[in-house]
Every structure is written in structure tokens, then in C-alpha cells.
Amino acid sequence: MLHLSAEIQILQDGVPVHGVALSSGALFVGRAPDNDLVLSLPQVSLHHAVFRRVESTLMVRDLGSTNGTFLNDERLLNLAPLKDGDTVRLGASVFLRIRLSPSEIPAPPPAPLSLLVDLSAGVAWPLRSDRVVLGPDPGSDVHIPHPGFPVAHIALHPDGEAWVATEDFEFPAVEGEPFLLGDRAFVLRAGKEALDTTARERVPPERPGWPYRLTVWCGAEGRTEARLQDLHSQQSHLINADNRVAFLYLLARRRLRDRAWGAGVGWCDDNDLQKGIWGRAWEEQDPNNLQVLLSRIRREIREAGFDAWFIEKRRGQTRILLDELDVHPE
């Protein structure tokens, strides 16, 4: 099977003098020594631009440089696709040429995300587990005792996706691209690009599973309700709203079926969720309604004294992570 081989050529007077292969998911360019391509020129910013593979396409993005990044003389404002022969200019006179060609050697997978950097404070934490909690609670993996800072969860998926979630919103985080939580800016780094010798490091502990049992009746036995029970404290909470019960029922049934089939994944397509919740009217729903519903369920669960992050999201899919499940009808 053919794959795309990518090389970034450095030009002088229109002639290539060096070539750097894009051998992983991303290639960072700038003056700082932790870049893949270090250009010690005053017009180049410390972290100027990044080239990355997005599925089968090579993309480029400016990283907030002082003098700008230009694609074929047009200044970049967003992530932009590249084709063979394109010219990328850094500042006024640093020219890079893009060379793309088919290759029979598969491109290596992108390096896993390995560092969370608080750009506002200059502090970094290695990512040693697939779920990290930030917040004002002293027991958080990343303790941020800052007034008004939201509780946030970062989930890292095996396919390389990273999702950041708070009570009110959820979004994918792209490696190397800053995102805001409260009034603070963070960024995720991968592989050796994550090395930051100026940062103080703290290893987050492994998080335990949830000692919860979820039992859902969706119209069975004349009941439409979901009961969440803490198996340690025996505390329980009953959810009665029809849409919320349907949401939990669909997720719980999918996880049980995947486990029975040996898949053990439990991801449910968001379109299937909307169809199951809203029936024939699902196409008339605002696509954001599913996220609103998820936020309301999490808020209700948290206000009842439970950790609501056993419901997990990624692009176009949602799943439940509990193992103690009982659904009616099965």
C-alpha cells in the first residue's frame, strides 16, 4: 500500500541546501533547540511553525510567530493543507519547499502525547496515564489553586486523539496548539517535542476505576429510570428524565454488548445516540444538543456526590466506562 513521504527542503537563492524528512506525526520549526528543524536566524521565532500529518494530508500551522508564516506568499491564519512543490516562507526571507511523494514504507504513527504545559505559569507535567484531572481540589493530578479555575479532565485515546472536558464544554486538543481553561493557556506536547528543561515536573498518579453500579430501565417493567450506586458507600442516585435515561441506556447496552463480543471498547456513534434518544426527529435536532445533554447528565451526577467522568467523549463518539452494568431490556 502506498503512503505519502514528506520532506521539508531549506532553500538558498531558490536552491535546496538541506532536506528534513517528516518521520513522525509532527515537525516543529524555530530557533529554540528543542525543535526538529532549528533555524538560528533572528527573523525566526523560538517556536515558529509546525508541519503535521492529518490523516493522509500534510498540514502547516503558524505557532504565533512574530514575523509570520506564509504559504505561497499568503500569510497563514489557520491550519492549511500542503501539496507537492508548495513554498512556505518564515518571516521575510527563509524559504522552505515541500516535497511529497508516494512511498511503499508506511509512515510511522505519531508520537504519543507526553507532556501538559501550562503556558501561563511555565510549569509542565508528564502525562503518565490516559486520564488527567486538573482543578482546585488538592487531590487533582494537576493542582491549580486558582480562584474560578474549572475542574477539567484530559482523556488520551489510543488512536492519538486527546479530549479536554469541563462541566460546560468538551473539545479535541491538537498537539502543539494552545487551548484555554479559565484564563490560563495550556498546550499538549508529544515525543521529544515535549522536552522542556525549564519546567518543573510532577508525575500524576494512576487513577483508580469507578466503584459504581449503573442499573437502567428504559420502558421495561413500566419504569424509565437509571440508578447509580456507589458500591463502597452504598450511596445511590436516581435519574428520571427520559432523555437522560435513554442516553445512559444506549451507552450501557453498547458497552455490555462489546464486552460480550470480546471487543471491550464500548464506543457508541453520536448519530446512533441521537437516533436512539430523539427517534425520527433526530435530524431536526441541533447537533450541539447531544453535548448539552451530556453536560446536564454530568452536572446532575456530580451534584449527587459522584464522579461524573465515567462518561467519555471523543470525535463523533461517546462511551461509558463502568463495568458494573445492568440494563432492562437487554
C-alpha atoms as a PDB file:
ATOM      1  CA  MET A   1       0.000   0.000   0.000  1.00  0.00           C
ATOM      2  CA  LEU A   2       1.373   3.416  -0.972  1.00  0.00           C
ATOM      3  CA  HIS A   3       1.871   6.108   1.660  1.00  0.00           C
ATOM      4  CA  LEU A   4       2.944   9.729   1.461  1.00  0.00           C
ATOM      5  CA  SER A   5       6.605  10.529   2.087  1.00  0.00           C
ATOM      6  CA  ALA A   6       7.240  14.159   3.067  1.00  0.00           C
ATOM      7  CA  GLU A   7      10.419  16.230   3.049  1.00  0.00           C
ATOM      8  CA  ILE A   8      10.921  19.881   4.039  1.00  0.00           C
ATOM      9  CA  GLN A   9      13.706  21.439   1.949  1.00  0.00           C
ATOM     10  CA  ILE A  10      15.590  24.582   3.040  1.00  0.00           C
ATOM     11  CA  LEU A  11      16.237  26.903   0.085  1.00  0.00           C
ATOM     12  CA  GLN A  12      19.009  29.411  -0.575  1.00  0.00           C
ATOM     13  CA  ASP A  13      18.583  31.513  -3.706  1.00  0.00           C
ATOM     14  CA  GLY A  14      15.886  29.081  -4.795  1.00  0.00           C
ATOM     15  CA  VAL A  15      18.185  26.041  -4.490  1.00  0.00           C
ATOM     16  CA  PRO A  16      17.670  23.331  -1.827  1.00  0.00           C
ATOM     17  CA  VAL A  17      20.644  23.083   0.534  1.00  0.00           C
ATOM     18  CA  HIS A  18      19.173  20.808   3.208  1.00  0.00           C
ATOM     19  CA  GLY A  19      16.260  18.414   3.449  1.00  0.00           C
ATOM     20  CA  VAL A  20      14.466  17.201   6.591  1.00  0.00           C
ATOM     21  CA  ALA A  21      12.129  14.212   6.397  1.00  0.00           C
ATOM     22  CA  LEU A  22       8.862  14.314   8.289  1.00  0.00           C
ATOM     23  CA  SER A  23       9.425  10.985  10.023  1.00  0.00           C
ATOM     24  CA  SER A  24       6.750  11.298  12.711  1.00  0.00           C
ATOM     25  CA  GLY A  25       3.384  12.928  13.161  1.00  0.00           C
ATOM     26  CA  ALA A  26       4.760  16.459  13.553  1.00  0.00           C
ATOM     27  CA  LEU A  27       7.849  18.529  12.725  1.00  0.00           C
ATOM     28  CA  PHE A  28       8.428  21.744  14.689  1.00  0.00           C
ATOM     29  CA  VAL A  29      10.455  24.617  13.206  1.00  0.00           C
ATOM     30  CA  GLY A  30      12.019  27.511  15.124  1.00  0.00           C
ATOM     31  CA  ARG A  31      15.080  28.974  16.841  1.00  0.00           C
ATOM     32  CA  ALA A  32      14.735  27.014  20.091  1.00  0.00           C
ATOM     33  CA  PRO A  33      16.952  23.915  20.367  1.00  0.00           C
ATOM     34  CA  ASP A  34      14.007  21.605  21.111  1.00  0.00           C
ATOM     35  CA  ASN A  35      12.637  21.981  17.546  1.00  0.00           C
ATOM     36  CA  ASP A  36      13.052  19.250  14.915  1.00  0.00           C
ATOM     37  CA  LEU A  37      14.347  21.840  12.450  1.00  0.00           C
ATOM     38  CA  VAL A  38      16.390  24.527  14.223  1.00  0.00           C
ATOM     39  CA  LEU A  39      16.899  27.753  12.252  1.00  0.00           C
ATOM     40  CA  SER A  40      19.179  30.127  14.182  1.00  0.00           C
ATOM     41  CA  LEU A  41      18.037  33.254  12.378  1.00  0.00           C
ATOM     42  CA  PRO A  42      16.757  36.425  14.092  1.00  0.00           C
ATOM     43  CA  GLN A  43      13.574  36.615  11.990  1.00  0.00           C
ATOM     44  CA  VAL A  44      12.566  33.083  13.055  1.00  0.00           C
ATOM     45  CA  SER A  45      10.641  32.803  16.341  1.00  0.00           C
ATOM     46  CA  LEU A  46      11.609  30.340  19.081  1.00  0.00           C
ATOM     47  CA  HIS A  47       8.698  28.098  18.032  1.00  0.00           C
ATOM     48  CA  HIS A  48       7.711  29.443  14.638  1.00  0.00           C
ATOM     49  CA  ALA A  49       5.645  26.821  12.789  1.00  0.00           C
ATOM     50  CA  VAL A  50       4.685  23.163  12.811  1.00  0.00           C
ATOM     51  CA  PHE A  51       4.177  20.669   9.997  1.00  0.00           C
ATOM     52  CA  ARG A  52       1.971  17.693  10.820  1.00  0.00           C
ATOM     53  CA  ARG A  53       0.153  14.830   9.195  1.00  0.00           C
ATOM     54  CA  VAL A  54      -3.620  14.917   9.475  1.00  0.00           C
ATOM     55  CA  GLU A  55      -4.753  11.525   8.161  1.00  0.00           C
ATOM     56  CA  SER A  56      -3.286  11.408   4.602  1.00  0.00           C
ATOM     57  CA  THR A  57      -2.644  15.164   4.279  1.00  0.00           C
ATOM     58  CA  LEU A  58       0.404  17.217   5.271  1.00  0.00           C
ATOM     59  CA  MET A  59      -0.604  20.432   7.027  1.00  0.00           C
ATOM     60  CA  VAL A  60       1.238  23.542   8.252  1.00  0.00           C
ATOM     61  CA  ARG A  61       0.360  25.977  11.028  1.00  0.00           C
ATOM     62  CA  ASP A  62       1.938  29.152  12.342  1.00  0.00           C
ATOM     63  CA  LEU A  63       2.604  28.997  16.107  1.00  0.00           C
ATOM     64  CA  GLY A  64       2.021  32.683  16.818  1.00  0.00           C
ATOM     65  CA  SER A  65       5.343  33.785  15.343  1.00  0.00           C
ATOM     66  CA  THR A  66       6.353  37.452  15.334  1.00  0.00           C
ATOM     67  CA  ASN A  67       7.129  37.688  11.617  1.00  0.00           C
ATOM     68  CA  GLY A  68       4.520  35.288  10.312  1.00  0.00           C
ATOM     69  CA  THR A  69       4.387  32.113   8.220  1.00  0.00           C
ATOM     70  CA  PHE A  70       3.389  32.357   4.549  1.00  0.00           C
ATOM     71  CA  LEU A  71       2.153  29.663   2.162  1.00  0.00           C
ATOM     72  CA  ASN A  72       2.869  30.639  -1.437  1.00  0.00           C
ATOM     73  CA  ASP A  73       3.045  34.307  -0.263  1.00  0.00           C
ATOM     74  CA  GLU A  74      -0.276  34.211   1.639  1.00  0.00           C
ATOM     75  CA  ARG A  75       0.009  34.692   5.390  1.00  0.00           C
ATOM     76  CA  LEU A  76      -1.302  31.734   7.367  1.00  0.00           C
ATOM     77  CA  LEU A  77      -4.066  32.326   9.880  1.00  0.00           C
ATOM     78  CA  ASN A  78      -5.161  28.715  10.363  1.00  0.00           C
ATOM     79  CA  LEU A  79      -4.017  25.143   9.749  1.00  0.00           C
ATOM     80  CA  ALA A  80      -3.515  24.806   5.970  1.00  0.00           C
ATOM     81  CA  PRO A  81      -3.030  21.779   3.669  1.00  0.00           C
ATOM     82  CA  LEU A  82       0.122  21.399   1.587  1.00  0.00           C
ATOM     83  CA  LYS A  83       0.797  19.901  -1.815  1.00  0.00           C
ATOM     84  CA  ASP A  84       3.996  18.910  -3.577  1.00  0.00           C
ATOM     85  CA  GLY A  85       6.045  21.930  -4.662  1.00  0.00           C
ATOM     86  CA  ASP A  86       4.452  24.443  -2.270  1.00  0.00           C
ATOM     87  CA  THR A  87       6.704  27.110  -0.778  1.00  0.00           C
ATOM     88  CA  VAL A  88       6.470  28.045   2.888  1.00  0.00           C
ATOM     89  CA  ARG A  89       8.153  31.285   3.938  1.00  0.00           C
ATOM     90  CA  LEU A  90       9.129  32.110   7.522  1.00  0.00           C
ATOM     91  CA  GLY A  91       9.314  35.851   8.010  1.00  0.00           C
ATOM     92  CA  ALA A  92      10.691  37.816   5.083  1.00  0.00           C
ATOM     93  CA  SER A  93      13.358  35.557   3.598  1.00  0.00           C
ATOM     94  CA  VAL A  94      13.502  32.000   4.985  1.00  0.00           C
ATOM     95  CA  PHE A  95      12.094  29.734   2.287  1.00  0.00           C
ATOM     96  CA  LEU A  96      11.090  26.089   2.652  1.00  0.00           C
ATOM     97  CA  ARG A  97       9.924  23.859  -0.207  1.00  0.00           C
ATOM     98  CA  ILE A  98       7.541  20.956   0.292  1.00  0.00           C
ATOM     99  CA  ARG A  99       8.307  17.671  -1.406  1.00  0.00           C
ATOM    100  CA  LEU A 100       5.668  14.934  -1.280  1.00  0.00           C
ATOM    101  CA  SER A 101       5.974  11.586  -2.992  1.00  0.00           C
ATOM    102  CA  PRO A 102       4.357   8.114  -2.766  1.00  0.00           C
ATOM    103  CA  SER A 103       6.252   5.621  -0.650  1.00  0.00           C
ATOM    104  CA  GLU A 104       5.768   1.920  -0.023  1.00  0.00           C
ATOM    105  CA  ILE A 105       7.029   2.293   3.542  1.00  0.00           C
ATOM    106  CA  PRO A 106       4.200   3.207   5.900  1.00  0.00           C
ATOM    107  CA  ALA A 107       4.620   6.432   7.780  1.00  0.00           C
ATOM    108  CA  PRO A 108       5.306   5.760  11.459  1.00  0.00           C
ATOM    109  CA  PRO A 109       2.494   6.536  13.875  1.00  0.00           C
ATOM    110  CA  PRO A 110       2.613   9.912  15.604  1.00  0.00           C
ATOM    111  CA  ALA A 111       4.483  10.041  18.879  1.00  0.00           C
ATOM    112  CA  PRO A 112       2.178   9.770  21.894  1.00  0.00           C
ATOM    113  CA  LEU A 113       1.307  12.902  23.803  1.00  0.00           C
ATOM    114  CA  SER A 114       3.632  13.017  26.776  1.00  0.00           C
ATOM    115  CA  LEU A 115       3.554  16.457  28.377  1.00  0.00           C
ATOM    116  CA  LEU A 116       0.986  19.026  29.502  1.00  0.00           C
ATOM    117  CA  VAL A 117       2.426  22.547  29.620  1.00  0.00           C
ATOM    118  CA  ASP A 118       0.835  25.470  31.489  1.00  0.00           C
ATOM    119  CA  LEU A 119       1.968  28.292  29.217  1.00  0.00           C
ATOM    120  CA  SER A 120       0.718  30.926  31.649  1.00  0.00           C
ATOM    121  CA  ALA A 121       2.853  29.658  34.543  1.00  0.00           C
ATOM    122  CA  GLY A 122       5.748  27.948  32.743  1.00  0.00           C
ATOM    123  CA  VAL A 123       5.070  24.638  34.501  1.00  0.00           C
ATOM    124  CA  ALA A 124       4.822  21.211  32.845  1.00  0.00           C
ATOM    125  CA  TRP A 125       3.572  17.780  33.882  1.00  0.00           C
ATOM    126  CA  PRO A 126       4.460  14.442  32.210  1.00  0.00           C
ATOM    127  CA  LEU A 127       1.397  12.501  31.090  1.00  0.00           C
ATOM    128  CA  ARG A 128       1.841   9.041  32.589  1.00  0.00           C
ATOM    129  CA  SER A 129      -1.775   7.871  32.367  1.00  0.00           C
ATOM    130  CA  ASP A 130      -4.607   8.162  29.849  1.00  0.00           C
ATOM    131  CA  ARG A 131      -6.717  10.420  32.074  1.00  0.00           C
ATOM    132  CA  VAL A 132      -5.559  13.516  33.942  1.00  0.00           C
ATOM    133  CA  VAL A 133      -7.634  15.792  36.167  1.00  0.00           C
ATOM    134  CA  LEU A 134      -6.840  19.495  36.607  1.00  0.00           C
ATOM    135  CA  GLY A 135      -8.529  21.626  39.211  1.00  0.00           C
ATOM    136  CA  PRO A 136      -8.608  23.391  42.569  1.00  0.00           C
ATOM    137  CA  ASP A 137      -9.116  20.152  44.536  1.00  0.00           C
ATOM    138  CA  PRO A 138      -5.790  19.269  46.264  1.00  0.00           C
ATOM    139  CA  GLY A 139      -6.358  15.652  45.175  1.00  0.00           C
ATOM    140  CA  SER A 140      -6.288  16.577  41.464  1.00  0.00           C
ATOM    141  CA  ASP A 141      -3.479  15.186  39.324  1.00  0.00           C
ATOM    142  CA  VAL A 142      -2.608  18.774  38.426  1.00  0.00           C
ATOM    143  CA  HIS A 143      -3.492  21.000  41.386  1.00  0.00           C
ATOM    144  CA  ILE A 144      -4.290  24.564  40.306  1.00  0.00           C
ATOM    145  CA  PRO A 145      -5.349  26.585  43.380  1.00  0.00           C
ATOM    146  CA  HIS A 146      -6.570  29.473  41.273  1.00  0.00           C
ATOM    147  CA  PRO A 147      -9.929  31.178  42.004  1.00  0.00           C
ATOM    148  CA  GLY A 148     -12.542  30.238  39.448  1.00  0.00           C
ATOM    149  CA  PHE A 149     -10.441  27.600  37.681  1.00  0.00           C
ATOM    150  CA  PRO A 150     -12.766  24.846  36.378  1.00  0.00           C
ATOM    151  CA  VAL A 151     -12.373  21.155  37.069  1.00  0.00           C
ATOM    152  CA  ALA A 152     -11.083  19.753  33.768  1.00  0.00           C
ATOM    153  CA  HIS A 153     -10.381  16.244  32.520  1.00  0.00           C
ATOM    154  CA  ILE A 154      -7.945  15.340  29.752  1.00  0.00           C
ATOM    155  CA  ALA A 155      -8.545  11.932  28.170  1.00  0.00           C
ATOM    156  CA  LEU A 156      -5.892  10.431  25.876  1.00  0.00           C
ATOM    157  CA  HIS A 157      -7.150   7.802  23.442  1.00  0.00           C
ATOM    158  CA  PRO A 158      -5.059   5.024  21.842  1.00  0.00           C
ATOM    159  CA  ASP A 159      -5.683   6.434  18.348  1.00  0.00           C
ATOM    160  CA  GLY A 160      -3.861   9.641  19.318  1.00  0.00           C
ATOM    161  CA  GLU A 161      -6.912  11.804  19.986  1.00  0.00           C
ATOM    162  CA  ALA A 162      -6.946  13.954  23.116  1.00  0.00           C
ATOM    163  CA  TRP A 163     -10.124  15.438  24.570  1.00  0.00           C
ATOM    164  CA  VAL A 164     -10.437  18.184  27.162  1.00  0.00           C
ATOM    165  CA  ALA A 165     -13.689  18.368  29.105  1.00  0.00           C
ATOM    166  CA  THR A 166     -15.162  20.607  31.766  1.00  0.00           C
ATOM    167  CA  GLU A 167     -18.700  20.668  33.098  1.00  0.00           C
ATOM    168  CA  ASP A 168     -19.835  23.047  30.346  1.00  0.00           C
ATOM    169  CA  PHE A 169     -17.862  22.146  27.236  1.00  0.00           C
ATOM    170  CA  GLU A 170     -15.732  19.467  25.584  1.00  0.00           C
ATOM    171  CA  PHE A 171     -13.290  19.748  22.691  1.00  0.00           C
ATOM    172  CA  PRO A 172     -10.413  17.891  20.990  1.00  0.00           C
ATOM    173  CA  ALA A 173      -6.930  19.189  21.783  1.00  0.00           C
ATOM    174  CA  VAL A 174      -4.365  19.147  18.979  1.00  0.00           C
ATOM    175  CA  GLU A 175      -0.717  18.621  19.831  1.00  0.00           C
ATOM    176  CA  GLY A 176       1.190  21.884  19.777  1.00  0.00           C
ATOM    177  CA  GLU A 177      -1.895  24.110  19.652  1.00  0.00           C
ATOM    178  CA  PRO A 178      -2.698  26.115  22.813  1.00  0.00           C
ATOM    179  CA  PHE A 179      -6.121  25.941  24.448  1.00  0.00           C
ATOM    180  CA  LEU A 180      -7.710  27.937  27.278  1.00  0.00           C
ATOM    181  CA  LEU A 181      -9.071  26.707  30.606  1.00  0.00           C
ATOM    182  CA  GLY A 182     -10.400  29.593  32.639  1.00  0.00           C
ATOM    183  CA  ASP A 183      -7.972  32.420  31.966  1.00  0.00           C
ATOM    184  CA  ARG A 184      -4.927  30.154  31.542  1.00  0.00           C
ATOM    185  CA  ALA A 185      -3.365  28.730  28.398  1.00  0.00           C
ATOM    186  CA  PHE A 186      -2.173  25.130  28.085  1.00  0.00           C
ATOM    187  CA  VAL A 187      -0.649  23.015  25.330  1.00  0.00           C
ATOM    188  CA  LEU A 188      -0.029  19.281  24.849  1.00  0.00           C
ATOM    189  CA  ARG A 189       3.348  18.113  23.528  1.00  0.00           C
ATOM    190  CA  ALA A 190       4.446  14.763  22.095  1.00  0.00           C
ATOM    191  CA  GLY A 191       7.644  12.767  21.917  1.00  0.00           C
ATOM    192  CA  LYS A 192      10.860  14.677  22.204  1.00  0.00           C
ATOM    193  CA  GLU A 193       8.995  17.873  21.342  1.00  0.00           C
ATOM    194  CA  ALA A 194       7.674  17.598  24.887  1.00  0.00           C
ATOM    195  CA  LEU A 195      11.089  18.084  26.499  1.00  0.00           C
ATOM    196  CA  ASP A 196      11.187  21.314  28.456  1.00  0.00           C
ATOM    197  CA  THR A 197      14.169  21.594  30.748  1.00  0.00           C
ATOM    198  CA  THR A 198      12.870  24.853  32.259  1.00  0.00           C
ATOM    199  CA  ALA A 199       9.662  23.249  33.533  1.00  0.00           C
ATOM    200  CA  ARG A 200       9.041  21.730  36.949  1.00  0.00           C
ATOM    201  CA  GLU A 201       7.645  18.223  36.573  1.00  0.00           C
ATOM    202  CA  ARG A 202       5.086  16.307  38.590  1.00  0.00           C
ATOM    203  CA  VAL A 203       4.013  12.775  37.784  1.00  0.00           C
ATOM    204  CA  PRO A 204       0.236  12.340  38.101  1.00  0.00           C
ATOM    205  CA  PRO A 205      -0.767   9.142  39.930  1.00  0.00           C
ATOM    206  CA  GLU A 206      -2.681   6.388  38.218  1.00  0.00           C
ATOM    207  CA  ARG A 207      -6.397   6.940  38.685  1.00  0.00           C
ATOM    208  CA  PRO A 208      -8.493   4.078  40.085  1.00  0.00           C
ATOM    209  CA  GLY A 209     -11.606   2.811  38.374  1.00  0.00           C
ATOM    210  CA  TRP A 210     -15.085   3.807  39.465  1.00  0.00           C
ATOM    211  CA  PRO A 211     -16.706   1.595  42.154  1.00  0.00           C
ATOM    212  CA  TYR A 212     -20.160   2.283  40.721  1.00  0.00           C
ATOM    213  CA  ARG A 213     -23.029   0.154  39.504  1.00  0.00           C
ATOM    214  CA  LEU A 214     -25.451   1.584  36.942  1.00  0.00           C
ATOM    215  CA  THR A 215     -28.864  -0.030  36.516  1.00  0.00           C
ATOM    216  CA  VAL A 216     -31.096   1.308  33.756  1.00  0.00           C
ATOM    217  CA  TRP A 217     -34.747   0.594  32.981  1.00  0.00           C
ATOM    218  CA  CYS A 218     -35.775   2.050  29.626  1.00  0.00           C
ATOM    219  CA  GLY A 219     -39.508   1.361  29.456  1.00  0.00           C
ATOM    220  CA  ALA A 220     -39.052  -2.103  30.964  1.00  0.00           C
ATOM    221  CA  GLU A 221     -41.281  -3.225  33.832  1.00  0.00           C
ATOM    222  CA  GLY A 222     -43.163   0.066  33.462  1.00  0.00           C
ATOM    223  CA  ARG A 223     -40.053   2.004  34.531  1.00  0.00           C
ATOM    224  CA  THR A 224     -37.895   4.614  32.799  1.00  0.00           C
ATOM    225  CA  GLU A 225     -35.126   5.464  35.213  1.00  0.00           C
ATOM    226  CA  ALA A 226     -31.434   4.958  35.902  1.00  0.00           C
ATOM    227  CA  ARG A 227     -29.971   4.212  39.322  1.00  0.00           C
ATOM    228  CA  LEU A 228     -26.303   4.940  40.063  1.00  0.00           C
ATOM    229  CA  GLN A 229     -24.914   3.260  43.164  1.00  0.00           C
ATOM    230  CA  ASP A 230     -21.541   3.594  44.904  1.00  0.00           C
ATOM    231  CA  LEU A 231     -20.565   0.011  45.763  1.00  0.00           C
ATOM    232  CA  HIS A 232     -18.362   1.167  48.641  1.00  0.00           C
ATOM    233  CA  SER A 233     -20.597   3.656  50.425  1.00  0.00           C
ATOM    234  CA  GLN A 234     -23.921   2.271  49.130  1.00  0.00           C
ATOM    235  CA  GLN A 235     -24.907   5.847  48.249  1.00  0.00           C
ATOM    236  CA  SER A 236     -27.305   5.913  45.301  1.00  0.00           C
ATOM    237  CA  HIS A 237     -28.930   8.419  42.973  1.00  0.00           C
ATOM    238  CA  LEU A 238     -31.978   8.036  40.722  1.00  0.00           C
ATOM    239  CA  ILE A 239     -32.167   9.706  37.299  1.00  0.00           C
ATOM    240  CA  ASN A 240     -35.707  10.124  35.942  1.00  0.00           C
ATOM    241  CA  ALA A 241     -35.546  12.463  32.924  1.00  0.00           C
ATOM    242  CA  ASP A 242     -36.433  10.401  29.824  1.00  0.00           C
ATOM    243  CA  ASN A 243     -33.671  11.736  27.542  1.00  0.00           C
ATOM    244  CA  ARG A 244     -31.018  11.245  30.196  1.00  0.00           C
ATOM    245  CA  VAL A 245     -32.166   7.709  30.890  1.00  0.00           C
ATOM    246  CA  ALA A 246     -32.190   6.889  27.148  1.00  0.00           C
ATOM    247  CA  PHE A 247     -28.666   8.309  26.806  1.00  0.00           C
ATOM    248  CA  LEU A 248     -27.326   6.132  29.657  1.00  0.00           C
ATOM    249  CA  TYR A 249     -29.246   3.085  28.457  1.00  0.00           C
ATOM    250  CA  LEU A 250     -27.746   3.248  24.958  1.00  0.00           C
ATOM    251  CA  LEU A 251     -24.215   3.684  26.284  1.00  0.00           C
ATOM    252  CA  ALA A 252     -24.566   0.908  28.878  1.00  0.00           C
ATOM    253  CA  ARG A 253     -26.090  -1.531  26.358  1.00  0.00           C
ATOM    254  CA  ARG A 254     -23.314  -0.845  23.846  1.00  0.00           C
ATOM    255  CA  ARG A 255     -20.599  -1.454  26.459  1.00  0.00           C
ATOM    256  CA  LEU A 256     -22.226  -4.709  27.585  1.00  0.00           C
ATOM    257  CA  ARG A 257     -22.549  -5.956  24.005  1.00  0.00           C
ATOM    258  CA  ASP A 258     -18.965  -5.065  23.119  1.00  0.00           C
ATOM    259  CA  ARG A 259     -17.736  -6.911  26.188  1.00  0.00           C
ATOM    260  CA  ALA A 260     -19.848  -9.952  25.303  1.00  0.00           C
ATOM    261  CA  TRP A 261     -18.397  -9.949  21.778  1.00  0.00           C
ATOM    262  CA  GLY A 262     -14.843  -9.570  23.089  1.00  0.00           C
ATOM    263  CA  ALA A 263     -14.429  -6.058  21.710  1.00  0.00           C
ATOM    264  CA  GLY A 264     -14.254  -4.341  25.101  1.00  0.00           C
ATOM    265  CA  VAL A 265     -14.421  -0.839  23.633  1.00  0.00           C
ATOM    266  CA  GLY A 266     -17.949   0.473  24.130  1.00  0.00           C
ATOM    267  CA  TRP A 267     -17.822   3.478  21.812  1.00  0.00           C
ATOM    268  CA  CYS A 268     -21.241   4.496  20.515  1.00  0.00           C
ATOM    269  CA  ASP A 269     -21.566   6.637  17.374  1.00  0.00           C
ATOM    270  CA  ASP A 270     -23.094  10.017  18.249  1.00  0.00           C
ATOM    271  CA  ASN A 271     -25.541   9.785  15.334  1.00  0.00           C
ATOM    272  CA  ASP A 272     -26.801   6.452  16.703  1.00  0.00           C
ATOM    273  CA  LEU A 273     -27.173   8.056  20.120  1.00  0.00           C
ATOM    274  CA  GLN A 274     -29.233  10.900  18.700  1.00  0.00           C
ATOM    275  CA  LYS A 275     -31.440   8.465  16.773  1.00  0.00           C
ATOM    276  CA  GLY A 276     -31.982   6.384  19.900  1.00  0.00           C
ATOM    277  CA  ILE A 277     -32.806   9.412  22.059  1.00  0.00           C
ATOM    278  CA  TRP A 278     -34.897  11.563  19.714  1.00  0.00           C
ATOM    279  CA  GLY A 279     -36.210   8.950  17.271  1.00  0.00           C
ATOM    280  CA  ARG A 280     -37.310  10.168  13.837  1.00  0.00           C
ATOM    281  CA  ALA A 281     -36.859  13.783  14.898  1.00  0.00           C
ATOM    282  CA  TRP A 282     -33.123  13.338  15.463  1.00  0.00           C
ATOM    283  CA  GLU A 283     -32.134  15.050  12.189  1.00  0.00           C
ATOM    284  CA  GLU A 284     -34.080  18.138  13.249  1.00  0.00           C
ATOM    285  CA  GLN A 285     -32.043  18.449  16.442  1.00  0.00           C
ATOM    286  CA  ASP A 286     -29.226  20.930  16.782  1.00  0.00           C
ATOM    287  CA  PRO A 287     -26.012  18.814  16.714  1.00  0.00           C
ATOM    288  CA  ASN A 288     -24.968  20.555  19.925  1.00  0.00           C
ATOM    289  CA  ASN A 289     -27.997  19.165  21.786  1.00  0.00           C
ATOM    290  CA  LEU A 290     -26.187  15.896  22.472  1.00  0.00           C
ATOM    291  CA  GLN A 291     -23.314  17.750  24.127  1.00  0.00           C
ATOM    292  CA  VAL A 292     -25.791  19.827  26.138  1.00  0.00           C
ATOM    293  CA  LEU A 293     -27.492  16.623  27.287  1.00  0.00           C
ATOM    294  CA  LEU A 294     -24.149  15.096  28.278  1.00  0.00           C
ATOM    295  CA  SER A 295     -23.231  18.234  30.240  1.00  0.00           C
ATOM    296  CA  ARG A 296     -26.539  18.142  32.125  1.00  0.00           C
ATOM    297  CA  ILE A 297     -26.139  14.461  32.987  1.00  0.00           C
ATOM    298  CA  ARG A 298     -22.618  15.051  34.280  1.00  0.00           C
ATOM    299  CA  ARG A 299     -23.786  18.018  36.352  1.00  0.00           C
ATOM    300  CA  GLU A 300     -26.627  16.000  37.905  1.00  0.00           C
ATOM    301  CA  ILE A 301     -24.313  13.094  38.710  1.00  0.00           C
ATOM    302  CA  ARG A 302     -21.682  15.355  40.232  1.00  0.00           C
ATOM    303  CA  GLU A 303     -24.209  17.283  42.322  1.00  0.00           C
ATOM    304  CA  ALA A 304     -25.407  13.915  43.671  1.00  0.00           C
ATOM    305  CA  GLY A 305     -21.875  13.306  45.002  1.00  0.00           C
ATOM    306  CA  PHE A 306     -20.483  11.048  42.250  1.00  0.00           C
ATOM    307  CA  ASP A 307     -17.538  11.423  39.869  1.00  0.00           C
ATOM    308  CA  ALA A 308     -19.239  12.047  36.516  1.00  0.00           C
ATOM    309  CA  TRP A 309     -16.241  11.385  34.290  1.00  0.00           C
ATOM    310  CA  PHE A 310     -17.043   7.748  33.688  1.00  0.00           C
ATOM    311  CA  ILE A 311     -18.822   9.060  30.571  1.00  0.00           C
ATOM    312  CA  GLU A 312     -16.110   9.704  27.992  1.00  0.00           C
ATOM    313  CA  LYS A 313     -16.133  11.606  24.688  1.00  0.00           C
ATOM    314  CA  ARG A 314     -14.052  11.692  21.543  1.00  0.00           C
ATOM    315  CA  ARG A 315     -14.673  12.900  17.985  1.00  0.00           C
ATOM    316  CA  GLY A 316     -18.117  11.675  16.905  1.00  0.00           C
ATOM    317  CA  GLN A 317     -18.344   9.012  19.637  1.00  0.00           C
ATOM    318  CA  THR A 318     -19.241   8.610  23.306  1.00  0.00           C
ATOM    319  CA  ARG A 319     -18.847   5.730  25.742  1.00  0.00           C
ATOM    320  CA  ILE A 320     -19.412   4.708  29.348  1.00  0.00           C
ATOM    321  CA  LEU A 321     -16.500   3.231  31.297  1.00  0.00           C
ATOM    322  CA  LEU A 322     -18.324   1.430  34.124  1.00  0.00           C
ATOM    323  CA  ASP A 323     -18.079  -2.372  34.307  1.00  0.00           C
ATOM    324  CA  GLU A 324     -20.925  -2.926  36.769  1.00  0.00           C
ATOM    325  CA  LEU A 325     -23.918  -2.510  34.441  1.00  0.00           C
ATOM    326  CA  ASP A 326     -27.448  -3.882  34.388  1.00  0.00           C
ATOM    327  CA  VAL A 327     -29.829  -2.804  31.626  1.00  0.00           C
ATOM    328  CA  HIS A 328     -33.508  -3.557  31.049  1.00  0.00           C
ATOM    329  CA  PRO A 329     -34.370  -4.582  28.405  1.00  0.00           C
ATOM    330  CA  GLU A 330     -31.039  -6.158  27.453  1.00  0.00           C
END
